Amino acid sequence: LYLFSSNFIGNWSTGGRDSHQLVANGGALRCDGIKLGHLCGCYFRENFIKPVERMKGTAATLYGAQEPEGDILVEHCRFHLNGTTGSRETECVLNLVGNMNIAVRDTIFD
C-alpha cells in the first residue's frame, strides 16, 4: 500500500460485527494484510465513525500481515477534525496494528 499526497475528506464508517460486538474502524481508510505500507503527505479531514460499542481509527485503520519482515510508515500527514458522529470517545484517530515495524513521524493530529 503506497499513498502519496492523497486527501480523505468527509468519509464515515457505520461499523459491523467483530465476534459479538459492534465495531467501527477506519472512517476513511481500512486496509488488511499489509506487508509494506507507506502513507506520505496525506490529509485526513472530518472523517467519522457512527457511535457503536467499540470505535477506533476514526480516520484510518491499517492492519499489517502477520509477518515481522514488513513495515508500515506514516509520515508528513495531517489528521484534522476526525471523530465520531455522537458524543462517545474513540480509542484513536489512527489505528496501526501488526507484528512488524510501525513508525509515525512528522505527522500532525489536531
PDB file of N, CA and C in Angstrom:
ATOM      1  N   LEU A   1       0.856  -1.177   0.000  1.00  0.00           N
ATOM      2  CA  LEU A   1       0.000   0.000   0.000  1.00  0.00           C
ATOM      3  C   LEU A   1       0.893   1.228   0.000  1.00  0.00           C
ATOM      4  N   TYR A   2       0.786   2.050  -1.031  1.00  0.00           N
ATOM      5  CA  TYR A   2       1.546   3.296  -1.115  1.00  0.00           C
ATOM      6  C   TYR A   2       0.581   4.423  -1.463  1.00  0.00           C
ATOM      7  N   LEU A   3       0.460   5.378  -0.559  1.00  0.00           N
ATOM      8  CA  LEU A   3      -0.400   6.543  -0.787  1.00  0.00           C
ATOM      9  C   LEU A   3       0.429   7.804  -0.581  1.00  0.00           C
ATOM     10  N   PHE A   4       0.494   8.634  -1.609  1.00  0.00           N
ATOM     11  CA  PHE A   4       1.253   9.870  -1.544  1.00  0.00           C
ATOM     12  C   PHE A   4       0.359  11.047  -1.893  1.00  0.00           C
ATOM     13  N   SER A   5       0.385  12.071  -1.057  1.00  0.00           N
ATOM     14  CA  SER A   5      -0.365  13.316  -1.293  1.00  0.00           C
ATOM     15  C   SER A   5      -1.831  13.051  -1.598  1.00  0.00           C
ATOM     16  N   SER A   6      -2.448  12.171  -0.848  1.00  0.00           N
ATOM     17  CA  SER A   6      -3.868  11.857  -1.038  1.00  0.00           C
ATOM     18  C   SER A   6      -4.703  12.566   0.017  1.00  0.00           C
ATOM     19  N   ASN A   7      -5.902  12.980  -0.373  1.00  0.00           N
ATOM     20  CA  ASN A   7      -6.829  13.642   0.545  1.00  0.00           C
ATOM     21  C   ASN A   7      -8.009  12.730   0.834  1.00  0.00           C
ATOM     22  N   PHE A   8      -8.352  12.612   2.119  1.00  0.00           N
ATOM     23  CA  PHE A   8      -9.513  11.841   2.563  1.00  0.00           C
ATOM     24  C   PHE A   8     -10.375  12.788   3.384  1.00  0.00           C
ATOM     25  N   ILE A   9     -11.456  13.267   2.798  1.00  0.00           N
ATOM     26  CA  ILE A   9     -12.270  14.291   3.440  1.00  0.00           C
ATOM     27  C   ILE A   9     -13.730  13.864   3.447  1.00  0.00           C
ATOM     28  N   GLY A  10     -14.358  13.930   4.640  1.00  0.00           N
ATOM     29  CA  GLY A  10     -15.795  13.708   4.768  1.00  0.00           C
ATOM     30  C   GLY A  10     -16.251  12.278   4.586  1.00  0.00           C
ATOM     31  N   ASN A  11     -15.443  11.300   4.952  1.00  0.00           N
ATOM     32  CA  ASN A  11     -15.844   9.893   4.865  1.00  0.00           C
ATOM     33  C   ASN A  11     -16.335   9.414   6.221  1.00  0.00           C
ATOM     34  N   TRP A  12     -17.127   8.316   6.228  1.00  0.00           N
ATOM     35  CA  TRP A  12     -17.556   7.772   7.511  1.00  0.00           C
ATOM     36  C   TRP A  12     -17.870   6.294   7.410  1.00  0.00           C
ATOM     37  N   SER A  13     -17.755   5.619   8.558  1.00  0.00           N
ATOM     38  CA  SER A  13     -17.987   4.190   8.653  1.00  0.00           C
ATOM     39  C   SER A  13     -19.159   3.929   9.589  1.00  0.00           C
ATOM     40  N   THR A  14     -20.026   3.017   9.198  1.00  0.00           N
ATOM     41  CA  THR A  14     -21.164   2.661  10.064  1.00  0.00           C
ATOM     42  C   THR A  14     -20.839   1.491  10.966  1.00  0.00           C
ATOM     43  N   GLY A  15     -19.746   0.794  10.697  1.00  0.00           N
ATOM     44  CA  GLY A  15     -19.340  -0.320  11.537  1.00  0.00           C
ATOM     45  C   GLY A  15     -19.910  -1.642  11.094  1.00  0.00           C
ATOM     46  N   GLY A  16     -19.553  -2.681  11.820  1.00  0.00           N
ATOM     47  CA  GLY A  16     -20.012  -4.030  11.536  1.00  0.00           C
ATOM     48  C   GLY A  16     -19.788  -4.909  12.741  1.00  0.00           C
ATOM     49  N   ARG A  17     -19.923  -6.206  12.577  1.00  0.00           N
ATOM     50  CA  ARG A  17     -19.755  -7.143  13.695  1.00  0.00           C
ATOM     51  C   ARG A  17     -18.352  -7.729  13.709  1.00  0.00           C
ATOM     52  N   ASP A  18     -17.771  -7.764  14.899  1.00  0.00           N
ATOM     53  CA  ASP A  18     -16.491  -8.407  15.135  1.00  0.00           C
ATOM     54  C   ASP A  18     -16.690  -9.284  16.359  1.00  0.00           C
ATOM     55  N   SER A  19     -16.765 -10.583  16.177  1.00  0.00           N
ATOM     56  CA  SER A  19     -17.162 -11.512  17.249  1.00  0.00           C
ATOM     57  C   SER A  19     -18.583 -11.164  17.665  1.00  0.00           C
ATOM     58  N   HIS A  20     -18.746 -10.708  18.891  1.00  0.00           N
ATOM     59  CA  HIS A  20     -20.090 -10.409  19.377  1.00  0.00           C
ATOM     60  C   HIS A  20     -20.293  -8.921  19.647  1.00  0.00           C
ATOM     61  N   GLN A  21     -19.401  -8.100  19.170  1.00  0.00           N
ATOM     62  CA  GLN A  21     -19.509  -6.665  19.418  1.00  0.00           C
ATOM     63  C   GLN A  21     -19.697  -5.910  18.112  1.00  0.00           C
ATOM     64  N   LEU A  22     -20.356  -4.781  18.220  1.00  0.00           N
ATOM     65  CA  LEU A  22     -20.412  -3.866  17.083  1.00  0.00           C
ATOM     66  C   LEU A  22     -19.150  -3.022  17.109  1.00  0.00           C
ATOM     67  N   VAL A  23     -18.423  -3.026  16.014  1.00  0.00           N
ATOM     68  CA  VAL A  23     -17.191  -2.250  15.947  1.00  0.00           C
ATOM     69  C   VAL A  23     -17.196  -1.371  14.705  1.00  0.00           C
ATOM     70  N   ALA A  24     -16.498  -0.286  14.799  1.00  0.00           N
ATOM     71  CA  ALA A  24     -16.307   0.587  13.651  1.00  0.00           C
ATOM     72  C   ALA A  24     -14.853   1.018  13.658  1.00  0.00           C
ATOM     73  N   ASN A  25     -14.205   0.931  12.522  1.00  0.00           N
ATOM     74  CA  ASN A  25     -12.838   1.420  12.422  1.00  0.00           C
ATOM     75  C   ASN A  25     -12.539   1.802  10.977  1.00  0.00           C
ATOM     76  N   GLY A  26     -11.619   2.735  10.857  1.00  0.00           N
ATOM     77  CA  GLY A  26     -11.239   3.181   9.520  1.00  0.00           C
ATOM     78  C   GLY A  26     -12.315   3.990   8.828  1.00  0.00           C
ATOM     79  N   GLY A  27     -12.640   5.166   9.381  1.00  0.00           N
ATOM     80  CA  GLY A  27     -13.668   6.010   8.790  1.00  0.00           C
ATOM     81  C   GLY A  27     -13.415   6.333   7.323  1.00  0.00           C
ATOM     82  N   ALA A  28     -12.173   6.620   6.967  1.00  0.00           N
ATOM     83  CA  ALA A  28     -11.841   6.943   5.573  1.00  0.00           C
ATOM     84  C   ALA A  28     -11.080   5.816   4.888  1.00  0.00           C
ATOM     85  N   LEU A  29     -10.277   5.087   5.644  1.00  0.00           N
ATOM     86  CA  LEU A  29      -9.398   4.102   5.033  1.00  0.00           C
ATOM     87  C   LEU A  29      -9.222   2.915   5.974  1.00  0.00           C
ATOM     88  N   ARG A  30      -9.473   1.717   5.453  1.00  0.00           N
ATOM     89  CA  ARG A  30      -9.179   0.496   6.205  1.00  0.00           C
ATOM     90  C   ARG A  30      -8.525  -0.490   5.254  1.00  0.00           C
ATOM     91  N   CYS A  31      -7.363  -0.998   5.643  1.00  0.00           N
ATOM     92  CA  CYS A  31      -6.636  -1.970   4.834  1.00  0.00           C
ATOM     93  C   CYS A  31      -6.206  -3.121   5.722  1.00  0.00           C
ATOM     94  N   ASP A  32      -6.360  -4.339   5.229  1.00  0.00           N
ATOM     95  CA  ASP A  32      -5.994  -5.537   5.965  1.00  0.00           C
ATOM     96  C   ASP A  32      -4.859  -6.271   5.254  1.00  0.00           C
ATOM     97  N   GLY A  33      -3.995  -6.920   6.026  1.00  0.00           N
ATOM     98  CA  GLY A  33      -2.951  -7.775   5.466  1.00  0.00           C
ATOM     99  C   GLY A  33      -1.817  -7.045   4.782  1.00  0.00           C
ATOM    100  N   ILE A  34      -1.496  -5.861   5.254  1.00  0.00           N
ATOM    101  CA  ILE A  34      -0.437  -5.060   4.630  1.00  0.00           C
ATOM    102  C   ILE A  34       0.930  -5.668   4.925  1.00  0.00           C
ATOM    103  N   LYS A  35       1.742  -5.843   3.903  1.00  0.00           N
ATOM    104  CA  LYS A  35       3.121  -6.288   4.093  1.00  0.00           C
ATOM    105  C   LYS A  35       4.062  -5.090   4.086  1.00  0.00           C
ATOM    106  N   LEU A  36       3.802  -4.155   3.201  1.00  0.00           N
ATOM    107  CA  LEU A  36       4.537  -2.895   3.162  1.00  0.00           C
ATOM    108  C   LEU A  36       3.526  -1.774   2.989  1.00  0.00           C
ATOM    109  N   GLY A  37       3.600  -0.784   3.832  1.00  0.00           N
ATOM    110  CA  GLY A  37       2.676   0.331   3.728  1.00  0.00           C
ATOM    111  C   GLY A  37       3.387   1.649   3.940  1.00  0.00           C
ATOM    112  N   HIS A  38       3.082   2.635   3.109  1.00  0.00           N
ATOM    113  CA  HIS A  38       3.692   3.953   3.239  1.00  0.00           C
ATOM    114  C   HIS A  38       2.655   5.014   2.904  1.00  0.00           C
ATOM    115  N   LEU A  39       2.290   5.797   3.891  1.00  0.00           N
ATOM    116  CA  LEU A  39       1.422   6.956   3.690  1.00  0.00           C
ATOM    117  C   LEU A  39       2.300   8.186   3.858  1.00  0.00           C
ATOM    118  N   CYS A  40       2.383   9.011   2.841  1.00  0.00           N
ATOM    119  CA  CYS A  40       3.250  10.183   2.883  1.00  0.00           C
ATOM    120  C   CYS A  40       2.491  11.400   2.357  1.00  0.00           C
ATOM    121  N   GLY A  41       2.452  12.456   3.144  1.00  0.00           N
ATOM    122  CA  GLY A  41       1.828  13.704   2.724  1.00  0.00           C
ATOM    123  C   GLY A  41       0.329  13.620   2.547  1.00  0.00           C
ATOM    124  N   CYS A  42      -0.330  12.720   3.259  1.00  0.00           N
ATOM    125  CA  CYS A  42      -1.784  12.564   3.132  1.00  0.00           C
ATOM    126  C   CYS A  42      -2.521  13.452   4.132  1.00  0.00           C
ATOM    127  N   TYR A  43      -3.715  13.849   3.763  1.00  0.00           N
ATOM    128  CA  TYR A  43      -4.538  14.737   4.577  1.00  0.00           C
ATOM    129  C   TYR A  43      -5.865  14.051   4.867  1.00  0.00           C
ATOM    130  N   PHE A  44      -6.160  13.871   6.149  1.00  0.00           N
ATOM    131  CA  PHE A  44      -7.406  13.256   6.603  1.00  0.00           C
ATOM    132  C   PHE A  44      -8.191  14.311   7.374  1.00  0.00           C
ATOM    133  N   ARG A  45      -9.364  14.691   6.842  1.00  0.00           N
ATOM    134  CA  ARG A  45     -10.153  15.746   7.490  1.00  0.00           C
ATOM    135  C   ARG A  45     -11.613  15.343   7.575  1.00  0.00           C
ATOM    136  N   GLU A  46     -12.190  15.551   8.767  1.00  0.00           N
ATOM    137  CA  GLU A  46     -13.615  15.334   9.030  1.00  0.00           C
ATOM    138  C   GLU A  46     -14.087  13.948   8.587  1.00  0.00           C
ATOM    139  N   ASN A  47     -13.331  12.936   8.971  1.00  0.00           N
ATOM    140  CA  ASN A  47     -13.743  11.555   8.763  1.00  0.00           C
ATOM    141  C   ASN A  47     -14.338  11.055  10.067  1.00  0.00           C
ATOM    142  N   PHE A  48     -15.443  10.322   9.978  1.00  0.00           N
ATOM    143  CA  PHE A  48     -16.197   9.992  11.176  1.00  0.00           C
ATOM    144  C   PHE A  48     -16.541   8.520  11.276  1.00  0.00           C
ATOM    145  N   ILE A  49     -16.897   8.123  12.476  1.00  0.00           N
ATOM    146  CA  ILE A  49     -17.400   6.787  12.760  1.00  0.00           C
ATOM    147  C   ILE A  49     -18.728   6.933  13.491  1.00  0.00           C
ATOM    148  N   LYS A  50     -19.716   6.151  13.067  1.00  0.00           N
ATOM    149  CA  LYS A  50     -21.001   6.116  13.767  1.00  0.00           C
ATOM    150  C   LYS A  50     -20.769   5.508  15.156  1.00  0.00           C
ATOM    151  N   PRO A  51     -21.332   6.097  16.218  1.00  0.00           N
ATOM    152  CA  PRO A  51     -21.117   5.560  17.565  1.00  0.00           C
ATOM    153  C   PRO A  51     -21.647   4.127  17.706  1.00  0.00           C
ATOM    154  N   VAL A  52     -20.757   3.214  18.054  1.00  0.00           N
ATOM    155  CA  VAL A  52     -21.100   1.823  18.319  1.00  0.00           C
ATOM    156  C   VAL A  52     -20.343   1.397  19.578  1.00  0.00           C
ATOM    157  N   GLU A  53     -20.346   0.107  19.892  1.00  0.00           N
ATOM    158  CA  GLU A  53     -19.719  -0.367  21.118  1.00  0.00           C
ATOM    159  C   GLU A  53     -18.223  -0.086  21.173  1.00  0.00           C
ATOM    160  N   ARG A  54     -17.500  -0.393  20.096  1.00  0.00           N
ATOM    161  CA  ARG A  54     -16.055  -0.162  20.047  1.00  0.00           C
ATOM    162  C   ARG A  54     -15.725   0.692  18.837  1.00  0.00           C
ATOM    163  N   MET A  55     -14.968   1.754  19.065  1.00  0.00           N
ATOM    164  CA  MET A  55     -14.620   2.652  17.970  1.00  0.00           C
ATOM    165  C   MET A  55     -13.130   2.945  18.007  1.00  0.00           C
ATOM    166  N   LYS A  56     -12.464   2.746  16.876  1.00  0.00           N
ATOM    167  CA  LYS A  56     -11.046   3.070  16.796  1.00  0.00           C
ATOM    168  C   LYS A  56     -10.687   3.398  15.357  1.00  0.00           C
ATOM    169  N   GLY A  57      -9.669   4.211  15.206  1.00  0.00           N
ATOM    170  CA  GLY A  57      -9.239   4.583  13.863  1.00  0.00           C
ATOM    171  C   GLY A  57     -10.270   5.411  13.126  1.00  0.00           C
ATOM    172  N   THR A  58     -10.701   6.520  13.736  1.00  0.00           N
ATOM    173  CA  THR A  58     -11.746   7.327  13.093  1.00  0.00           C
ATOM    174  C   THR A  58     -11.329   7.803  11.703  1.00  0.00           C
ATOM    175  N   ALA A  59     -10.049   8.002  11.476  1.00  0.00           N
ATOM    176  CA  ALA A  59      -9.577   8.392  10.147  1.00  0.00           C
ATOM    177  C   ALA A  59      -9.101   7.181   9.356  1.00  0.00           C
ATOM    178  N   ALA A  60      -8.261   6.349   9.971  1.00  0.00           N
ATOM    179  CA  ALA A  60      -7.686   5.226   9.229  1.00  0.00           C
ATOM    180  C   ALA A  60      -7.329   4.066  10.148  1.00  0.00           C
ATOM    181  N   THR A  61      -7.473   2.864   9.619  1.00  0.00           N
ATOM    182  CA  THR A  61      -7.048   1.645  10.293  1.00  0.00           C
ATOM    183  C   THR A  61      -6.240   0.814   9.300  1.00  0.00           C
ATOM    184  N   LEU A  62      -5.019   0.482   9.684  1.00  0.00           N
ATOM    185  CA  LEU A  62      -4.138  -0.322   8.842  1.00  0.00           C
ATOM    186  C   LEU A  62      -3.714  -1.561   9.628  1.00  0.00           C
ATOM    187  N   TYR A  63      -4.104  -2.723   9.123  1.00  0.00           N
ATOM    188  CA  TYR A  63      -3.740  -3.989   9.748  1.00  0.00           C
ATOM    189  C   TYR A  63      -2.594  -4.613   8.962  1.00  0.00           C
ATOM    190  N   GLY A  64      -1.466  -4.807   9.636  1.00  0.00           N
ATOM    191  CA  GLY A  64      -0.333  -5.436   8.994  1.00  0.00           C
ATOM    192  C   GLY A  64      -0.493  -6.942   8.924  1.00  0.00           C
ATOM    193  N   ALA A  65       0.129  -7.541   7.933  1.00  0.00           N
ATOM    194  CA  ALA A  65       0.148  -9.004   7.819  1.00  0.00           C
ATOM    195  C   ALA A  65       0.911  -9.573   9.011  1.00  0.00           C
ATOM    196  N   GLN A  66       0.684 -10.824   9.298  1.00  0.00           N
ATOM    197  CA  GLN A  66       1.362 -11.457  10.434  1.00  0.00           C
ATOM    198  C   GLN A  66       2.784 -11.867  10.063  1.00  0.00           C
ATOM    199  N   GLU A  67       3.527 -10.914   9.528  1.00  0.00           N
ATOM    200  CA  GLU A  67       4.909 -11.153   9.138  1.00  0.00           C
ATOM    201  C   GLU A  67       5.781 -10.048   9.710  1.00  0.00           C
ATOM    202  N   PRO A  68       6.753 -10.425  10.544  1.00  0.00           N
ATOM    203  CA  PRO A  68       7.589  -9.391  11.171  1.00  0.00           C
ATOM    204  C   PRO A  68       8.548  -8.704  10.202  1.00  0.00           C
ATOM    205  N   GLU A  69       8.622  -9.156   8.969  1.00  0.00           N
ATOM    206  CA  GLU A  69       9.537  -8.567   7.991  1.00  0.00           C
ATOM    207  C   GLU A  69       8.988  -7.284   7.365  1.00  0.00           C
ATOM    208  N   GLY A  70       7.713  -6.982   7.561  1.00  0.00           N
ATOM    209  CA  GLY A  70       7.095  -5.844   6.886  1.00  0.00           C
ATOM    210  C   GLY A  70       7.278  -4.525   7.608  1.00  0.00           C
ATOM    211  N   ASP A  71       6.818  -3.465   6.967  1.00  0.00           N
ATOM    212  CA  ASP A  71       6.907  -2.116   7.521  1.00  0.00           C
ATOM    213  C   ASP A  71       5.630  -1.347   7.223  1.00  0.00           C
ATOM    214  N   ILE A  72       5.207  -0.527   8.186  1.00  0.00           N
ATOM    215  CA  ILE A  72       4.169   0.470   7.956  1.00  0.00           C
ATOM    216  C   ILE A  72       4.746   1.804   8.407  1.00  0.00           C
ATOM    217  N   LEU A  73       4.763   2.765   7.507  1.00  0.00           N
ATOM    218  CA  LEU A  73       5.313   4.089   7.795  1.00  0.00           C
ATOM    219  C   LEU A  73       4.284   5.151   7.429  1.00  0.00           C
ATOM    220  N   VAL A  74       4.001   6.022   8.378  1.00  0.00           N
ATOM    221  CA  VAL A  74       3.112   7.164   8.157  1.00  0.00           C
ATOM    222  C   VAL A  74       3.940   8.409   8.446  1.00  0.00           C
ATOM    223  N   GLU A  75       4.120   9.257   7.433  1.00  0.00           N
ATOM    224  CA  GLU A  75       4.943  10.451   7.643  1.00  0.00           C
ATOM    225  C   GLU A  75       4.411  11.651   6.859  1.00  0.00           C
ATOM    226  N   HIS A  76       4.649  12.817   7.426  1.00  0.00           N
ATOM    227  CA  HIS A  76       4.267  14.089   6.815  1.00  0.00           C
ATOM    228  C   HIS A  76       2.761  14.144   6.509  1.00  0.00           C
ATOM    229  N   CYS A  77       1.947  13.537   7.365  1.00  0.00           N
ATOM    230  CA  CYS A  77       0.494  13.542   7.181  1.00  0.00           C
ATOM    231  C   CYS A  77      -0.156  14.470   8.195  1.00  0.00           C
ATOM    232  N   ARG A  78      -1.409  14.819   7.940  1.00  0.00           N
ATOM    233  CA  ARG A  78      -2.184  15.627   8.882  1.00  0.00           C
ATOM    234  C   ARG A  78      -3.538  14.982   9.072  1.00  0.00           C
ATOM    235  N   PHE A  79      -3.919  14.808  10.346  1.00  0.00           N
ATOM    236  CA  PHE A  79      -5.217  14.275  10.731  1.00  0.00           C
ATOM    237  C   PHE A  79      -5.945  15.395  11.455  1.00  0.00           C
ATOM    238  N   HIS A  80      -6.977  15.946  10.820  1.00  0.00           N
ATOM    239  CA  HIS A  80      -7.630  17.157  11.305  1.00  0.00           C
ATOM    240  C   HIS A  80      -9.134  16.933  11.460  1.00  0.00           C
ATOM    241  N   LEU A  81      -9.656  17.184  12.665  1.00  0.00           N
ATOM    242  CA  LEU A  81     -11.099  17.134  12.958  1.00  0.00           C
ATOM    243  C   LEU A  81     -11.744  15.785  12.651  1.00  0.00           C
ATOM    244  N   ASN A  82     -11.074  14.705  12.987  1.00  0.00           N
ATOM    245  CA  ASN A  82     -11.652  13.372  12.814  1.00  0.00           C
ATOM    246  C   ASN A  82     -12.273  12.937  14.137  1.00  0.00           C
ATOM    247  N   GLY A  83     -13.419  12.256  14.095  1.00  0.00           N
ATOM    248  CA  GLY A  83     -14.073  11.857  15.335  1.00  0.00           C
ATOM    249  C   GLY A  83     -15.297  11.005  15.103  1.00  0.00           C
ATOM    250  N   THR A  84     -16.228  11.052  16.044  1.00  0.00           N
ATOM    251  CA  THR A  84     -17.463  10.290  15.933  1.00  0.00           C
ATOM    252  C   THR A  84     -18.622  11.229  15.634  1.00  0.00           C
ATOM    253  N   THR A  85     -19.725  10.657  15.182  1.00  0.00           N
ATOM    254  CA  THR A  85     -20.907  11.466  14.904  1.00  0.00           C
ATOM    255  C   THR A  85     -21.696  11.743  16.165  1.00  0.00           C
ATOM    256  N   GLY A  86     -21.334  11.119  17.273  1.00  0.00           N
ATOM    257  CA  GLY A  86     -22.022  11.311  18.545  1.00  0.00           C
ATOM    258  C   GLY A  86     -21.065  11.825  19.595  1.00  0.00           C
ATOM    259  N   SER A  87     -21.419  11.649  20.856  1.00  0.00           N
ATOM    260  CA  SER A  87     -20.615  12.183  21.942  1.00  0.00           C
ATOM    261  C   SER A  87     -19.640  11.161  22.530  1.00  0.00           C
ATOM    262  N   ARG A  88     -19.645   9.923  22.023  1.00  0.00           N
ATOM    263  CA  ARG A  88     -18.749   8.906  22.569  1.00  0.00           C
ATOM    264  C   ARG A  88     -17.299   9.188  22.185  1.00  0.00           C
ATOM    265  N   GLU A  89     -16.408   8.714  23.036  1.00  0.00           N
ATOM    266  CA  GLU A  89     -14.978   8.856  22.759  1.00  0.00           C
ATOM    267  C   GLU A  89     -14.481   7.666  21.945  1.00  0.00           C
ATOM    268  N   THR A  90     -13.559   7.913  21.078  1.00  0.00           N
ATOM    269  CA  THR A  90     -12.960   6.830  20.299  1.00  0.00           C
ATOM    270  C   THR A  90     -11.610   6.462  20.900  1.00  0.00           C
ATOM    271  N   GLU A  91     -11.144   5.262  20.579  1.00  0.00           N
ATOM    272  CA  GLU A  91      -9.854   4.815  21.070  1.00  0.00           C
ATOM    273  C   GLU A  91      -8.715   5.581  20.414  1.00  0.00           C
ATOM    274  N   CYS A  92      -8.832   5.873  19.122  1.00  0.00           N
ATOM    275  CA  CYS A  92      -7.739   6.543  18.432  1.00  0.00           C
ATOM    276  C   CYS A  92      -8.213   7.101  17.092  1.00  0.00           C
ATOM    277  N   VAL A  93      -7.449   8.022  16.556  1.00  0.00           N
ATOM    278  CA  VAL A  93      -7.705   8.588  15.235  1.00  0.00           C
ATOM    279  C   VAL A  93      -7.049   7.726  14.164  1.00  0.00           C
ATOM    280  N   LEU A  94      -5.843   7.261  14.447  1.00  0.00           N
ATOM    281  CA  LEU A  94      -5.095   6.403  13.531  1.00  0.00           C
ATOM    282  C   LEU A  94      -4.801   5.091  14.248  1.00  0.00           C
ATOM    283  N   ASN A  95      -5.283   3.987  13.712  1.00  0.00           N
ATOM    284  CA  ASN A  95      -5.131   2.675  14.331  1.00  0.00           C
ATOM    285  C   ASN A  95      -4.161   1.836  13.486  1.00  0.00           C
ATOM    286  N   LEU A  96      -3.000   1.524  14.052  1.00  0.00           N
ATOM    287  CA  LEU A  96      -1.989   0.737  13.351  1.00  0.00           C
ATOM    288  C   LEU A  96      -1.750  -0.546  14.135  1.00  0.00           C
ATOM    289  N   VAL A  97      -1.928  -1.693  13.479  1.00  0.00           N
ATOM    290  CA  VAL A  97      -1.828  -2.981  14.158  1.00  0.00           C
ATOM    291  C   VAL A  97      -0.930  -3.910  13.356  1.00  0.00           C
ATOM    292  N   GLY A  98      -0.021  -4.609  14.030  1.00  0.00           N
ATOM    293  CA  GLY A  98       0.804  -5.581  13.330  1.00  0.00           C
ATOM    294  C   GLY A  98       2.022  -6.005  14.117  1.00  0.00           C
ATOM    295  N   ASN A  99       2.643  -7.101  13.691  1.00  0.00           N
ATOM    296  CA  ASN A  99       3.863  -7.618  14.305  1.00  0.00           C
ATOM    297  C   ASN A  99       5.079  -7.176  13.514  1.00  0.00           C
ATOM    298  N   MET A 100       5.081  -5.994  13.024  1.00  0.00           N
ATOM    299  CA  MET A 100       6.136  -5.522  12.143  1.00  0.00           C
ATOM    300  C   MET A 100       6.636  -4.172  12.614  1.00  0.00           C
ATOM    301  N   ASN A 101       7.513  -3.575  11.854  1.00  0.00           N
ATOM    302  CA  ASN A 101       7.996  -2.231  12.159  1.00  0.00           C
ATOM    303  C   ASN A 101       6.904  -1.232  11.814  1.00  0.00           C
ATOM    304  N   ILE A 102       6.472  -0.456  12.805  1.00  0.00           N
ATOM    305  CA  ILE A 102       5.442   0.563  12.595  1.00  0.00           C
ATOM    306  C   ILE A 102       6.004   1.888  13.092  1.00  0.00           C
ATOM    307  N   ALA A 103       5.961   2.909  12.237  1.00  0.00           N
ATOM    308  CA  ALA A 103       6.505   4.211  12.607  1.00  0.00           C
ATOM    309  C   ALA A 103       5.582   5.325  12.117  1.00  0.00           C
ATOM    310  N   VAL A 104       5.444   6.344  12.953  1.00  0.00           N
ATOM    311  CA  VAL A 104       4.722   7.568  12.592  1.00  0.00           C
ATOM    312  C   VAL A 104       5.665   8.717  12.909  1.00  0.00           C
ATOM    313  N   ARG A 105       5.949   9.558  11.906  1.00  0.00           N
ATOM    314  CA  ARG A 105       6.849  10.681  12.150  1.00  0.00           C
ATOM    315  C   ARG A 105       6.407  11.904  11.354  1.00  0.00           C
ATOM    316  N   ASP A 106       6.739  13.067  11.919  1.00  0.00           N
ATOM    317  CA  ASP A 106       6.407  14.350  11.296  1.00  0.00           C
ATOM    318  C   ASP A 106       4.942  14.406  10.871  1.00  0.00           C
ATOM    319  N   THR A 107       4.058  13.961  11.756  1.00  0.00           N
ATOM    320  CA  THR A 107       2.622  13.907  11.477  1.00  0.00           C
ATOM    321  C   THR A 107       1.881  14.740  12.508  1.00  0.00           C
ATOM    322  N   ILE A 108       0.859  15.465  12.064  1.00  0.00           N
ATOM    323  CA  ILE A 108       0.087  16.365  12.930  1.00  0.00           C
ATOM    324  C   ILE A 108      -1.282  15.763  13.203  1.00  0.00           C
ATOM    325  N   PHE A 109      -1.677  15.758  14.477  1.00  0.00           N
ATOM    326  CA  PHE A 109      -3.019  15.368  14.898  1.00  0.00           C
ATOM    327  C   PHE A 109      -3.638  16.578  15.582  1.00  0.00           C
ATOM    328  N   ASP A 110      -4.679  17.144  14.960  1.00  0.00           N
ATOM    329  CA  ASP A 110      -5.345  18.302  15.592  1.00  0.00           C
ATOM    330  C   ASP A 110      -6.837  18.305  15.303  1.00  0.00           C
TER     331      ASP A 110
END
